[in-house]
Amino acid sequence: MALLIGDLELCVCDIMAALDLPQSTVSRHLSSLRNAGFVDDRRQGIWMYYKLNKKGIKHGAILFDFLETNFVTLSQTARDLDLLNAHLATKKKTQCS
């Protein structure tokens, strides 16, 4: 999930669309990442938005750079990023649902 978020701020529905996972699974994993300090969250209405917390954890920027360098070439990562980009392009025309 961290590679999907990158420098973006994403709502749960964005991550659900990219990973083809149910809301409960995505929310549970994001909650674990938030509790560990890897992501920050904010609420806007009924939606929760998440972004990476690269500065909030010791060596966070180094860790995320390592993950991006070593996992971005995986076919599954490329597929997930493609699905996210397609979703975000469509989302510009609609709201989260």
PDB file of N, CA and C in Angstrom:
ATOM      1  N   MET A   1       0.813  -1.191   0.000  1.00  0.00           N
ATOM      2  CA  MET A   1       0.000   0.000   0.000  1.00  0.00           C
ATOM      3  C   MET A   1       0.857   1.254   0.000  1.00  0.00           C
ATOM      4  N   ALA A   2       1.988   1.178   0.667  1.00  0.00           N
ATOM      5  CA  ALA A   2       2.840   2.362   0.747  1.00  0.00           C
ATOM      6  C   ALA A   2       3.313   2.801  -0.626  1.00  0.00           C
ATOM      7  N   LEU A   3       3.613   1.844  -1.500  1.00  0.00           N
ATOM      8  CA  LEU A   3       4.047   2.211  -2.851  1.00  0.00           C
ATOM      9  C   LEU A   3       2.925   2.867  -3.631  1.00  0.00           C
ATOM     10  N   LEU A   4       1.693   2.462  -3.388  1.00  0.00           N
ATOM     11  CA  LEU A   4       0.568   3.098  -4.075  1.00  0.00           C
ATOM     12  C   LEU A   4       0.400   4.536  -3.631  1.00  0.00           C
ATOM     13  N   ILE A   5       0.520   4.754  -2.347  1.00  0.00           N
ATOM     14  CA  ILE A   5       0.302   6.100  -1.817  1.00  0.00           C
ATOM     15  C   ILE A   5       1.387   7.047  -2.309  1.00  0.00           C
ATOM     16  N   GLY A   6       2.638   6.613  -2.252  1.00  0.00           N
ATOM     17  CA  GLY A   6       3.738   7.450  -2.740  1.00  0.00           C
ATOM     18  C   GLY A   6       3.643   8.853  -2.186  1.00  0.00           C
ATOM     19  N   ASP A   7       3.633   9.844  -3.055  1.00  0.00           N
ATOM     20  CA  ASP A   7       3.523  11.242  -2.636  1.00  0.00           C
ATOM     21  C   ASP A   7       2.082  11.743  -2.709  1.00  0.00           C
ATOM     22  N   LEU A   8       1.146  10.841  -2.933  1.00  0.00           N
ATOM     23  CA  LEU A   8      -0.261  11.210  -3.048  1.00  0.00           C
ATOM     24  C   LEU A   8      -0.960  11.159  -1.696  1.00  0.00           C
ATOM     25  N   GLU A   9      -2.136  11.715  -1.660  1.00  0.00           N
ATOM     26  CA  GLU A   9      -3.053  11.516  -0.547  1.00  0.00           C
ATOM     27  C   GLU A   9      -4.239  10.771  -1.146  1.00  0.00           C
ATOM     28  N   LEU A  10      -4.510   9.577  -0.643  1.00  0.00           N
ATOM     29  CA  LEU A  10      -5.544   8.728  -1.223  1.00  0.00           C
ATOM     30  C   LEU A  10      -6.614   8.398  -0.200  1.00  0.00           C
ATOM     31  N   CYS A  11      -7.842   8.251  -0.677  1.00  0.00           N
ATOM     32  CA  CYS A  11      -8.907   7.784   0.204  1.00  0.00           C
ATOM     33  C   CYS A  11      -8.955   6.256   0.115  1.00  0.00           C
ATOM     34  N   VAL A  12      -9.661   5.664   1.045  1.00  0.00           N
ATOM     35  CA  VAL A  12      -9.760   4.210   1.087  1.00  0.00           C
ATOM     36  C   VAL A  12     -10.297   3.674  -0.235  1.00  0.00           C
ATOM     37  N   CYS A  13     -11.253   4.367  -0.845  1.00  0.00           N
ATOM     38  CA  CYS A  13     -11.837   3.879  -2.101  1.00  0.00           C
ATOM     39  C   CYS A  13     -10.800   3.821  -3.217  1.00  0.00           C
ATOM     40  N   ASP A  14      -9.821   4.725  -3.207  1.00  0.00           N
ATOM     41  CA  ASP A  14      -8.761   4.698  -4.218  1.00  0.00           C
ATOM     42  C   ASP A  14      -7.926   3.423  -4.088  1.00  0.00           C
ATOM     43  N   ILE A  15      -7.569   3.098  -2.864  1.00  0.00           N
ATOM     44  CA  ILE A  15      -6.744   1.919  -2.617  1.00  0.00           C
ATOM     45  C   ILE A  15      -7.542   0.650  -2.881  1.00  0.00           C
ATOM     46  N   MET A  16      -8.823   0.655  -2.522  1.00  0.00           N
ATOM     47  CA  MET A  16      -9.689  -0.487  -2.826  1.00  0.00           C
ATOM     48  C   MET A  16      -9.713  -0.764  -4.328  1.00  0.00           C
ATOM     49  N   ALA A  17      -9.840   0.290  -5.121  1.00  0.00           N
ATOM     50  CA  ALA A  17      -9.916   0.132  -6.578  1.00  0.00           C
ATOM     51  C   ALA A  17      -8.605  -0.403  -7.137  1.00  0.00           C
ATOM     52  N   ALA A  18      -7.491   0.061  -6.624  1.00  0.00           N
ATOM     53  CA  ALA A  18      -6.183  -0.359  -7.141  1.00  0.00           C
ATOM     54  C   ALA A  18      -5.860  -1.798  -6.771  1.00  0.00           C
ATOM     55  N   LEU A  19      -6.226  -2.197  -5.569  1.00  0.00           N
ATOM     56  CA  LEU A  19      -5.850  -3.531  -5.093  1.00  0.00           C
ATOM     57  C   LEU A  19      -6.963  -4.560  -5.228  1.00  0.00           C
ATOM     58  N   ASP A  20      -8.148  -4.097  -5.613  1.00  0.00           N
ATOM     59  CA  ASP A  20      -9.312  -4.982  -5.740  1.00  0.00           C
ATOM     60  C   ASP A  20      -9.556  -5.748  -4.441  1.00  0.00           C
ATOM     61  N   LEU A  21      -9.577  -4.980  -3.351  1.00  0.00           N
ATOM     62  CA  LEU A  21      -9.807  -5.544  -2.028  1.00  0.00           C
ATOM     63  C   LEU A  21     -11.014  -4.865  -1.393  1.00  0.00           C
ATOM     64  N   PRO A  22     -11.690  -5.557  -0.463  1.00  0.00           N
ATOM     65  CA  PRO A  22     -12.841  -4.941   0.201  1.00  0.00           C
ATOM     66  C   PRO A  22     -12.407  -3.843   1.170  1.00  0.00           C
ATOM     67  N   GLN A  23     -13.335  -2.965   1.479  1.00  0.00           N
ATOM     68  CA  GLN A  23     -13.074  -1.826   2.350  1.00  0.00           C
ATOM     69  C   GLN A  23     -12.536  -2.262   3.698  1.00  0.00           C
ATOM     70  N   SER A  24     -13.094  -3.325   4.260  1.00  0.00           N
ATOM     71  CA  SER A  24     -12.663  -3.766   5.588  1.00  0.00           C
ATOM     72  C   SER A  24     -11.190  -4.170   5.599  1.00  0.00           C
ATOM     73  N   THR A  25     -10.737  -4.846   4.558  1.00  0.00           N
ATOM     74  CA  THR A  25      -9.336  -5.273   4.474  1.00  0.00           C
ATOM     75  C   THR A  25      -8.417  -4.074   4.331  1.00  0.00           C
ATOM     76  N   VAL A  26      -8.762  -3.160   3.431  1.00  0.00           N
ATOM     77  CA  VAL A  26      -7.941  -1.971   3.212  1.00  0.00           C
ATOM     78  C   VAL A  26      -7.881  -1.125   4.479  1.00  0.00           C
ATOM     79  N   SER A  27      -9.011  -0.916   5.112  1.00  0.00           N
ATOM     80  CA  SER A  27      -9.048  -0.109   6.336  1.00  0.00           C
ATOM     81  C   SER A  27      -8.230  -0.748   7.448  1.00  0.00           C
ATOM     82  N   ARG A  28      -8.300  -2.062   7.582  1.00  0.00           N
ATOM     83  CA  ARG A  28      -7.543  -2.752   8.626  1.00  0.00           C
ATOM     84  C   ARG A  28      -6.039  -2.588   8.403  1.00  0.00           C
ATOM     85  N   HIS A  29      -5.596  -2.750   7.154  1.00  0.00           N
ATOM     86  CA  HIS A  29      -4.172  -2.600   6.858  1.00  0.00           C
ATOM     87  C   HIS A  29      -3.710  -1.150   7.042  1.00  0.00           C
ATOM     88  N   LEU A  30      -4.535  -0.205   6.611  1.00  0.00           N
ATOM     89  CA  LEU A  30      -4.181   1.200   6.799  1.00  0.00           C
ATOM     90  C   LEU A  30      -4.128   1.563   8.279  1.00  0.00           C
ATOM     91  N   SER A  31      -5.013   0.980   9.064  1.00  0.00           N
ATOM     92  CA  SER A  31      -4.992   1.217  10.505  1.00  0.00           C
ATOM     93  C   SER A  31      -3.683   0.718  11.109  1.00  0.00           C
ATOM     94  N   SER A  32      -3.212  -0.434  10.668  1.00  0.00           N
ATOM     95  CA  SER A  32      -1.930  -0.959  11.146  1.00  0.00           C
ATOM     96  C   SER A  32      -0.781  -0.048  10.738  1.00  0.00           C
ATOM     97  N   LEU A  33      -0.802   0.421   9.496  1.00  0.00           N
ATOM     98  CA  LEU A  33       0.240   1.337   9.023  1.00  0.00           C
ATOM     99  C   LEU A  33       0.206   2.651   9.796  1.00  0.00           C
ATOM    100  N   ARG A  34      -1.001   3.141  10.087  1.00  0.00           N
ATOM    101  CA  ARG A  34      -1.133   4.383  10.870  1.00  0.00           C
ATOM    102  C   ARG A  34      -0.618   4.183  12.291  1.00  0.00           C
ATOM    103  N   ASN A  35      -0.988   3.082  12.921  1.00  0.00           N
ATOM    104  CA  ASN A  35      -0.544   2.804  14.287  1.00  0.00           C
ATOM    105  C   ASN A  35       0.974   2.660  14.375  1.00  0.00           C
ATOM    106  N   ALA A  36       1.596   2.187  13.311  1.00  0.00           N
ATOM    107  CA  ALA A  36       3.049   2.042  13.276  1.00  0.00           C
ATOM    108  C   ALA A  36       3.746   3.344  12.907  1.00  0.00           C
ATOM    109  N   GLY A  37       2.963   4.359  12.511  1.00  0.00           N
ATOM    110  CA  GLY A  37       3.522   5.661  12.173  1.00  0.00           C
ATOM    111  C   GLY A  37       3.916   5.819  10.719  1.00  0.00           C
ATOM    112  N   PHE A  38       3.573   4.846   9.873  1.00  0.00           N
ATOM    113  CA  PHE A  38       3.963   4.909   8.463  1.00  0.00           C
ATOM    114  C   PHE A  38       3.057   5.815   7.629  1.00  0.00           C
ATOM    115  N   VAL A  39       1.809   5.993   8.050  1.00  0.00           N
ATOM    116  CA  VAL A  39       0.895   6.865   7.320  1.00  0.00           C
ATOM    117  C   VAL A  39       0.193   7.803   8.291  1.00  0.00           C
ATOM    118  N   ASP A  40      -0.195   8.953   7.776  1.00  0.00           N
ATOM    119  CA  ASP A  40      -1.045   9.900   8.492  1.00  0.00           C
ATOM    120  C   ASP A  40      -2.418   9.829   7.862  1.00  0.00           C
ATOM    121  N   ASP A  41      -3.421  10.173   8.645  1.00  0.00           N
ATOM    122  CA  ASP A  41      -4.776  10.178   8.098  1.00  0.00           C
ATOM    123  C   ASP A  41      -5.488  11.471   8.460  1.00  0.00           C
ATOM    124  N   ARG A  42      -6.514  11.759   7.693  1.00  0.00           N
ATOM    125  CA  ARG A  42      -7.393  12.889   8.007  1.00  0.00           C
ATOM    126  C   ARG A  42      -8.782  12.543   7.498  1.00  0.00           C
ATOM    127  N   ARG A  43      -9.767  13.063   8.189  1.00  0.00           N
ATOM    128  CA  ARG A  43     -11.155  12.819   7.806  1.00  0.00           C
ATOM    129  C   ARG A  43     -11.691  14.048   7.089  1.00  0.00           C
ATOM    130  N   GLN A  44     -12.411  13.791   6.001  1.00  0.00           N
ATOM    131  CA  GLN A  44     -13.135  14.845   5.296  1.00  0.00           C
ATOM    132  C   GLN A  44     -14.537  14.306   5.057  1.00  0.00           C
ATOM    133  N   GLY A  45     -15.474  14.784   5.847  1.00  0.00           N
ATOM    134  CA  GLY A  45     -16.824  14.239   5.782  1.00  0.00           C
ATOM    135  C   GLY A  45     -16.806  12.785   6.226  1.00  0.00           C
ATOM    136  N   ILE A  46     -17.313  11.898   5.389  1.00  0.00           N
ATOM    137  CA  ILE A  46     -17.312  10.478   5.735  1.00  0.00           C
ATOM    138  C   ILE A  46     -16.077   9.750   5.215  1.00  0.00           C
ATOM    139  N   TRP A  47     -15.214  10.454   4.503  1.00  0.00           N
ATOM    140  CA  TRP A  47     -14.052   9.821   3.875  1.00  0.00           C
ATOM    141  C   TRP A  47     -12.799  10.005   4.712  1.00  0.00           C
ATOM    142  N   MET A  48     -11.981   8.960   4.734  1.00  0.00           N
ATOM    143  CA  MET A  48     -10.668   9.013   5.367  1.00  0.00           C
ATOM    144  C   MET A  48      -9.619   9.065   4.267  1.00  0.00           C
ATOM    145  N   TYR A  49      -8.670   9.977   4.412  1.00  0.00           N
ATOM    146  CA  TYR A  49      -7.583  10.131   3.442  1.00  0.00           C
ATOM    147  C   TYR A  49      -6.264   9.801   4.124  1.00  0.00           C
ATOM    148  N   TYR A  50      -5.386   9.156   3.376  1.00  0.00           N
ATOM    149  CA  TYR A  50      -4.108   8.704   3.922  1.00  0.00           C
ATOM    150  C   TYR A  50      -2.962   9.212   3.068  1.00  0.00           C
ATOM    151  N   LYS A  51      -1.849   9.521   3.747  1.00  0.00           N
ATOM    152  CA  LYS A  51      -0.616   9.892   3.048  1.00  0.00           C
ATOM    153  C   LYS A  51       0.553   9.327   3.838  1.00  0.00           C
ATOM    154  N   LEU A  52       1.669   9.114   3.151  1.00  0.00           N
ATOM    155  CA  LEU A  52       2.853   8.577   3.814  1.00  0.00           C
ATOM    156  C   LEU A  52       3.397   9.571   4.820  1.00  0.00           C
ATOM    157  N   ASN A  53       3.949   9.065   5.871  1.00  0.00           N
ATOM    158  CA  ASN A  53       4.556   9.867   6.924  1.00  0.00           C
ATOM    159  C   ASN A  53       6.065   9.627   6.873  1.00  0.00           C
ATOM    160  N   LYS A  54       6.716  10.111   5.825  1.00  0.00           N
ATOM    161  CA  LYS A  54       8.143   9.852   5.626  1.00  0.00           C
ATOM    162  C   LYS A  54       9.019  10.487   6.696  1.00  0.00           C
ATOM    163  N   LYS A  55       8.574  11.583   7.259  1.00  0.00           N
ATOM    164  CA  LYS A  55       9.383  12.287   8.247  1.00  0.00           C
ATOM    165  C   LYS A  55       9.039  11.885   9.674  1.00  0.00           C
ATOM    166  N   GLY A  56       7.905  11.246   9.857  1.00  0.00           N
ATOM    167  CA  GLY A  56       7.439  10.922  11.204  1.00  0.00           C
ATOM    168  C   GLY A  56       8.074   9.697  11.825  1.00  0.00           C
ATOM    169  N   ILE A  57       8.764   8.889  11.034  1.00  0.00           N
ATOM    170  CA  ILE A  57       9.416   7.710  11.579  1.00  0.00           C
ATOM    171  C   ILE A  57      10.910   7.786  11.306  1.00  0.00           C
ATOM    172  N   LYS A  58      11.667   7.217  12.190  1.00  0.00           N
ATOM    173  CA  LYS A  58      13.123   7.250  12.051  1.00  0.00           C
ATOM    174  C   LYS A  58      13.513   6.544  10.748  1.00  0.00           C
ATOM    175  N   HIS A  59      14.283   7.224   9.943  1.00  0.00           N
ATOM    176  CA  HIS A  59      14.765   6.700   8.661  1.00  0.00           C
ATOM    177  C   HIS A  59      13.619   6.421   7.683  1.00  0.00           C
ATOM    178  N   GLY A  60      12.481   7.078   7.850  1.00  0.00           N
ATOM    179  CA  GLY A  60      11.329   6.846   6.987  1.00  0.00           C
ATOM    180  C   GLY A  60      11.607   7.114   5.520  1.00  0.00           C
ATOM    181  N   ALA A  61      12.247   8.221   5.217  1.00  0.00           N
ATOM    182  CA  ALA A  61      12.526   8.555   3.817  1.00  0.00           C
ATOM    183  C   ALA A  61      13.431   7.501   3.187  1.00  0.00           C
ATOM    184  N   ILE A  62      14.420   7.038   3.945  1.00  0.00           N
ATOM    185  CA  ILE A  62      15.322   6.005   3.424  1.00  0.00           C
ATOM    186  C   ILE A  62      14.564   4.705   3.180  1.00  0.00           C
ATOM    187  N   LEU A  63      13.707   4.345   4.121  1.00  0.00           N
ATOM    188  CA  LEU A  63      12.917   3.117   3.991  1.00  0.00           C
ATOM    189  C   LEU A  63      12.014   3.171   2.763  1.00  0.00           C
ATOM    190  N   PHE A  64      11.286   4.263   2.586  1.00  0.00           N
ATOM    191  CA  PHE A  64      10.368   4.370   1.458  1.00  0.00           C
ATOM    192  C   PHE A  64      11.122   4.438   0.133  1.00  0.00           C
ATOM    193  N   ASP A  65      12.272   5.094   0.115  1.00  0.00           N
ATOM    194  CA  ASP A  65      13.098   5.099  -1.097  1.00  0.00           C
ATOM    195  C   ASP A  65      13.551   3.687  -1.444  1.00  0.00           C
ATOM    196  N   PHE A  66      13.940   2.924  -0.437  1.00  0.00           N
ATOM    197  CA  PHE A  66      14.345   1.526  -0.650  1.00  0.00           C
ATOM    198  C   PHE A  66      13.191   0.720  -1.236  1.00  0.00           C
ATOM    199  N   LEU A  67      12.012   0.851  -0.645  1.00  0.00           N
ATOM    200  CA  LEU A  67      10.853   0.107  -1.138  1.00  0.00           C
ATOM    201  C   LEU A  67      10.538   0.477  -2.589  1.00  0.00           C
ATOM    202  N   GLU A  68      10.543   1.768  -2.892  1.00  0.00           N
ATOM    203  CA  GLU A  68      10.259   2.203  -4.262  1.00  0.00           C
ATOM    204  C   GLU A  68      11.289   1.656  -5.240  1.00  0.00           C
ATOM    205  N   THR A  69      12.545   1.716  -4.878  1.00  0.00           N
ATOM    206  CA  THR A  69      13.618   1.244  -5.757  1.00  0.00           C
ATOM    207  C   THR A  69      13.530  -0.252  -6.015  1.00  0.00           C
ATOM    208  N   ASN A  70      13.185  -1.020  -4.992  1.00  0.00           N
ATOM    209  CA  ASN A  70      13.240  -2.469  -5.109  1.00  0.00           C
ATOM    210  C   ASN A  70      11.924  -3.136  -5.491  1.00  0.00           C
ATOM    211  N   PHE A  71      10.820  -2.452  -5.344  1.00  0.00           N
ATOM    212  CA  PHE A  71       9.540  -3.079  -5.641  1.00  0.00           C
ATOM    213  C   PHE A  71       8.825  -2.505  -6.859  1.00  0.00           C
ATOM    214  N   VAL A  72       9.256  -1.350  -7.328  1.00  0.00           N
ATOM    215  CA  VAL A  72       8.561  -0.709  -8.441  1.00  0.00           C
ATOM    216  C   VAL A  72       8.679  -1.532  -9.731  1.00  0.00           C
ATOM    217  N   THR A  73       9.680  -2.377  -9.835  1.00  0.00           N
ATOM    218  CA  THR A  73       9.874  -3.174 -11.042  1.00  0.00           C
ATOM    219  C   THR A  73       9.074  -4.474 -11.037  1.00  0.00           C
ATOM    220  N   LEU A  74       8.434  -4.812  -9.933  1.00  0.00           N
ATOM    221  CA  LEU A  74       7.641  -6.041  -9.877  1.00  0.00           C
ATOM    222  C   LEU A  74       6.377  -5.906 -10.708  1.00  0.00           C
ATOM    223  N   SER A  75       5.993  -6.978 -11.378  1.00  0.00           N
ATOM    224  CA  SER A  75       4.814  -6.928 -12.252  1.00  0.00           C
ATOM    225  C   SER A  75       3.544  -6.619 -11.455  1.00  0.00           C
ATOM    226  N   GLN A  76       3.426  -7.142 -10.231  1.00  0.00           N
ATOM    227  CA  GLN A  76       2.245  -6.870  -9.421  1.00  0.00           C
ATOM    228  C   GLN A  76       2.166  -5.394  -9.042  1.00  0.00           C
ATOM    229  N   THR A  77       3.299  -4.801  -8.737  1.00  0.00           N
ATOM    230  CA  THR A  77       3.327  -3.375  -8.411  1.00  0.00           C
ATOM    231  C   THR A  77       2.909  -2.549  -9.612  1.00  0.00           C
ATOM    232  N   ALA A  78       3.412  -2.900 -10.789  1.00  0.00           N
ATOM    233  CA  ALA A  78       3.044  -2.183 -12.014  1.00  0.00           C
ATOM    234  C   ALA A  78       1.547  -2.305 -12.276  1.00  0.00           C
ATOM    235  N   ARG A  79       0.995  -3.498 -12.070  1.00  0.00           N
ATOM    236  CA  ARG A  79      -0.446  -3.713 -12.277  1.00  0.00           C
ATOM    237  C   ARG A  79      -1.243  -2.849 -11.307  1.00  0.00           C
ATOM    238  N   ASP A  80      -0.854  -2.842 -10.034  1.00  0.00           N
ATOM    239  CA  ASP A  80      -1.561  -2.056  -9.022  1.00  0.00           C
ATOM    240  C   ASP A  80      -1.495  -0.564  -9.341  1.00  0.00           C
ATOM    241  N   LEU A  81      -0.335  -0.086  -9.760  1.00  0.00           N
ATOM    242  CA  LEU A  81      -0.189   1.333 -10.112  1.00  0.00           C
ATOM    243  C   LEU A  81      -1.019   1.685 -11.340  1.00  0.00           C
ATOM    244  N   ASP A  82      -1.073   0.785 -12.320  1.00  0.00           N
ATOM    245  CA  ASP A  82      -1.911   1.016 -13.501  1.00  0.00           C
ATOM    246  C   ASP A  82      -3.381   1.115 -13.112  1.00  0.00           C
ATOM    247  N   LEU A  83      -3.830   0.205 -12.252  1.00  0.00           N
ATOM    248  CA  LEU A  83      -5.226   0.246 -11.801  1.00  0.00           C
ATOM    249  C   LEU A  83      -5.513   1.522 -11.015  1.00  0.00           C
ATOM    250  N   LEU A  84      -4.575   1.938 -10.185  1.00  0.00           N
ATOM    251  CA  LEU A  84      -4.760   3.179  -9.430  1.00  0.00           C
ATOM    252  C   LEU A  84      -4.853   4.371 -10.369  1.00  0.00           C
ATOM    253  N   ASN A  85      -3.959   4.463 -11.325  1.00  0.00           N
ATOM    254  CA  ASN A  85      -3.980   5.592 -12.270  1.00  0.00           C
ATOM    255  C   ASN A  85      -5.266   5.620 -13.079  1.00  0.00           C
ATOM    256  N   ALA A  86      -5.740   4.459 -13.512  1.00  0.00           N
ATOM    257  CA  ALA A  86      -7.011   4.400 -14.248  1.00  0.00           C
ATOM    258  C   ALA A  86      -8.158   4.850 -13.359  1.00  0.00           C
ATOM    259  N   HIS A  87      -8.154   4.405 -12.118  1.00  0.00           N
ATOM    260  CA  HIS A  87      -9.201   4.809 -11.175  1.00  0.00           C
ATOM    261  C   HIS A  87      -9.174   6.312 -10.932  1.00  0.00           C
ATOM    262  N   LEU A  88      -7.978   6.862 -10.716  1.00  0.00           N
ATOM    263  CA  LEU A  88      -7.870   8.298 -10.445  1.00  0.00           C
ATOM    264  C   LEU A  88      -8.291   9.130 -11.646  1.00  0.00           C
ATOM    265  N   ALA A  89      -8.014   8.641 -12.858  1.00  0.00           N
ATOM    266  CA  ALA A  89      -8.449   9.358 -14.058  1.00  0.00           C
ATOM    267  C   ALA A  89      -9.974   9.380 -14.141  1.00  0.00           C
ATOM    268  N   THR A  90     -10.601   8.274 -13.799  1.00  0.00           N
ATOM    269  CA  THR A  90     -12.062   8.197 -13.800  1.00  0.00           C
ATOM    270  C   THR A  90     -12.649   9.006 -12.656  1.00  0.00           C
ATOM    271  N   LYS A  91     -11.968   8.987 -11.521  1.00  0.00           N
ATOM    272  CA  LYS A  91     -12.468   9.664 -10.325  1.00  0.00           C
ATOM    273  C   LYS A  91     -12.568  11.166 -10.518  1.00  0.00           C
ATOM    274  N   LYS A  92     -11.721  11.731 -11.367  1.00  0.00           N
ATOM    275  CA  LYS A  92     -11.785  13.173 -11.604  1.00  0.00           C
ATOM    276  C   LYS A  92     -13.163  13.593 -12.095  1.00  0.00           C
ATOM    277  N   LYS A  93     -13.866  12.659 -12.715  1.00  0.00           N
ATOM    278  CA  LYS A  93     -15.197  12.938 -13.248  1.00  0.00           C
ATOM    279  C   LYS A  93     -16.303  12.651 -12.250  1.00  0.00           C
ATOM    280  N   THR A  94     -15.993  11.869 -11.213  1.00  0.00           N
ATOM    281  CA  THR A  94     -17.006  11.457 -10.227  1.00  0.00           C
ATOM    282  C   THR A  94     -16.467  11.648  -8.822  1.00  0.00           C
ATOM    283  N   GLN A  95     -17.297  11.365  -7.846  1.00  0.00           N
ATOM    284  CA  GLN A  95     -16.890  11.390  -6.441  1.00  0.00           C
ATOM    285  C   GLN A  95     -16.701   9.974  -5.945  1.00  0.00           C
ATOM    286  N   CYS A  96     -16.062   9.811  -4.796  1.00  0.00           N
ATOM    287  CA  CYS A  96     -15.938   8.486  -4.182  1.00  0.00           C
ATOM    288  C   CYS A  96     -17.323   7.945  -3.892  1.00  0.00           C
ATOM    289  N   SER A  97     -17.433   6.650  -3.995  1.00  0.00           N
ATOM    290  CA  SER A  97     -18.717   6.021  -3.671  1.00  0.00           C
ATOM    291  C   SER A  97     -18.495   4.724  -2.942  1.00  0.00           C
TER     292      SER A  97
END
